[in-house]
Structures are given as C-alpha cells and as structure tokens.
Amino acid sequence: MLAYLFPITAAFLWSTNFIVARAMAGQVPPWTLAAGRFTTAALIMLPLIVLRGSRPSRRDLWLLLLAAIPGVTLWNSLGYWAIQYTTATNATLVNALYPLSAILVSRLILGEPLTARRNAAVLLSLSGVALIMARGTLQNLLSLDLNPGDLVYLLNTFLWAGYSVTCRLVVGRVGALETSAWTLLLGAPLIWPGAGYEISRIGSDFLTPKTVGVFIYLGFFTSVLAFWLWTIGVQRLGPARSSLMYNAIPFFAAILAWLILGESIAWYHLAGGALIISGAYLGSAPAATLPRQPSPPATADNSSVGQTNS
C-alpha cells in the first residue's frame, strides 16, 4: 500500500504546476516562466549526463531534439500562455485527454490500429472536452464561443503525444532517465529567445526573489522530483496500476484551485471530467486485461519515459 504514495505524490506535484501557472499569470510572461522551469530542471539533470557518460548517436540526438521541441519547448510555453485565458480546473481536465491524443498520434506515426473500443473511447472523451469548453450550454458550442485557453490545451495534448511517441523510438537505446535529461538539455535553450523577447518588451522588474523561487519549485518539484517519484511507482507497482494514479491530477488541481485560487467547480466540470477520464481509461486499457491502462509520460507534467506532462 505504501508503494502507491510514490505515483500519487507525483500526480499531486504535477497538479500544482497548473495552480502555480495560473497564480503567476499576468506577473511572469509565459515563455519566461517556461524557460525558468526547464532551465532549472536541465541544470539539475546535467550532472546525470556527465556522471553516466551518456553519448547518444547522431541519429538519436536528432530524434531527441525532435521530441524536445513539442515536449519541452512548446508544450509548457503555450500552456503558460493559455492559462491566462482559462482556469486551472479547465486546463487539467482538458489535459486529461492526453491518452486519447496518444492513441491517435500513435496511429498516424507508428501505424497502431484503432479498434472499435478505442474509437468509442475517443468519442467519449471528446464529448467531455466539448462539454467543458462549451461551459455546459449548447448555445456556446453552436456559436463556437469557446475559450482560447482550452483550445490551446487541447492542442497541447497532441504536442505531448508527439513527444511521447518520438521518445518511444529512442528510449530503448538511450535509457529513460537519459532521454528525459537530454530532451531537457536540448529543449530548454530553444525557449530562451522567446523569454528574451518578452523581457526586451516589458523589462525584467518581475524577476524578483519570489520569481526565482517559483522557477526552482517548478524545475525541481514538478519536473525532477515528480518524475523520480513516478519512476519509483512504476518500478514497484508496474505501469498499469501506477497510471491509474495519473487520473488524480484533475481532482487535485480542482481542489487546489478552489482552495487557493477561489475557482468555482461547476456541474459541467464534474460531468466533462468523468467523460474524459472514462474515455481515457477505456481507450488505454489492454483488451485482454480490462480494466488496465499503460502509464502516461513523465515530466513536464508524466511517465516512466520522458519528462513530466504537467
């Protein structure tokens, strides 16, 4: 039973990324916040590369770069921008669509088949996303009166799926921890030009000790520590049982957003979240052993492969 504390703590830490990002919206520009988070994480992971003597081949380095661009450079930068226009509750619920996005991207890139069960799961989860984005009214849906932040988080699930699928092509040769470290090291510098542009436009007055503390928290706790705890959970429980804990992220985020940010929880959040998680569970569970599902990616915010997805 104690082993479940590792993945559930990782899920809790990943949920706090959305809370911190929402709290800092308007105070720290998005690309700068992402640069602070992932540069901190990359500096922490750098000794791992040095100590292990990790030297990927040129082909693997290109694949790692191809994974780093959507998974490190774009995913959180766009997410931090989007959360200025939505709530932490909405963001985590839409983010829960990731397993279904991974199914579709795996189909396109790896040729994995789409079964009838997975097709039904996609429709189930998409209906949940539509309910949340339309804020529970058919009029909003028909008039396309949708929150741009929610739309970007929907896009982000596909960016993260692309990251995860690309990691699958290289992790067997490079190793899980090394894959995470290299994607951080390759992806973080690509965020710097965006952060530099933001600072050139609005100045650097926001770079206070509080801001540096936020960078350290996001870089260490929601990236490196959460990934490490998740990996331990996967080792002790296996990916199927550990991944069930990943679905606790929207629950933790909704409670924290209510307690800390004063966000309200409407009926369509609960109903839409239930549809998304049910669809993700149905679509990810191996057909022979329902109910089970593979583990999500680590990071930014998620799995035993890669960095956190949150």
Foldseek 3Di string as FASTA:
>chain_A
DVLLCLLLLLLLLLLVVLVLLLVCVVLAQLLQLLLLQLVLLLVVLVVVCVVVVFDDDPVLLVLLLQLLCLQRQNLRSLLSVLSSFDPSLLLVLLLLLLLLLLVVVCCVPVVDDQDPLLVVLNVLLVVLLLCVQQVNDVVCSVVVVGTVSNVSSNVSSNSNSSSVVSLVVRCVPRPQSRSQNSSSVSNSVSSVVVSVVVCVVPNDPSPDPVSSVSSNSSNPRNKVSSLVSQLSSCVVPNFFVSQVSNLCSSVSNVVCCCVPVVDDDDPSSVVSSVSNNVSSQSNADDPVDPRTGGWDDAAPCGHSHYIRVD
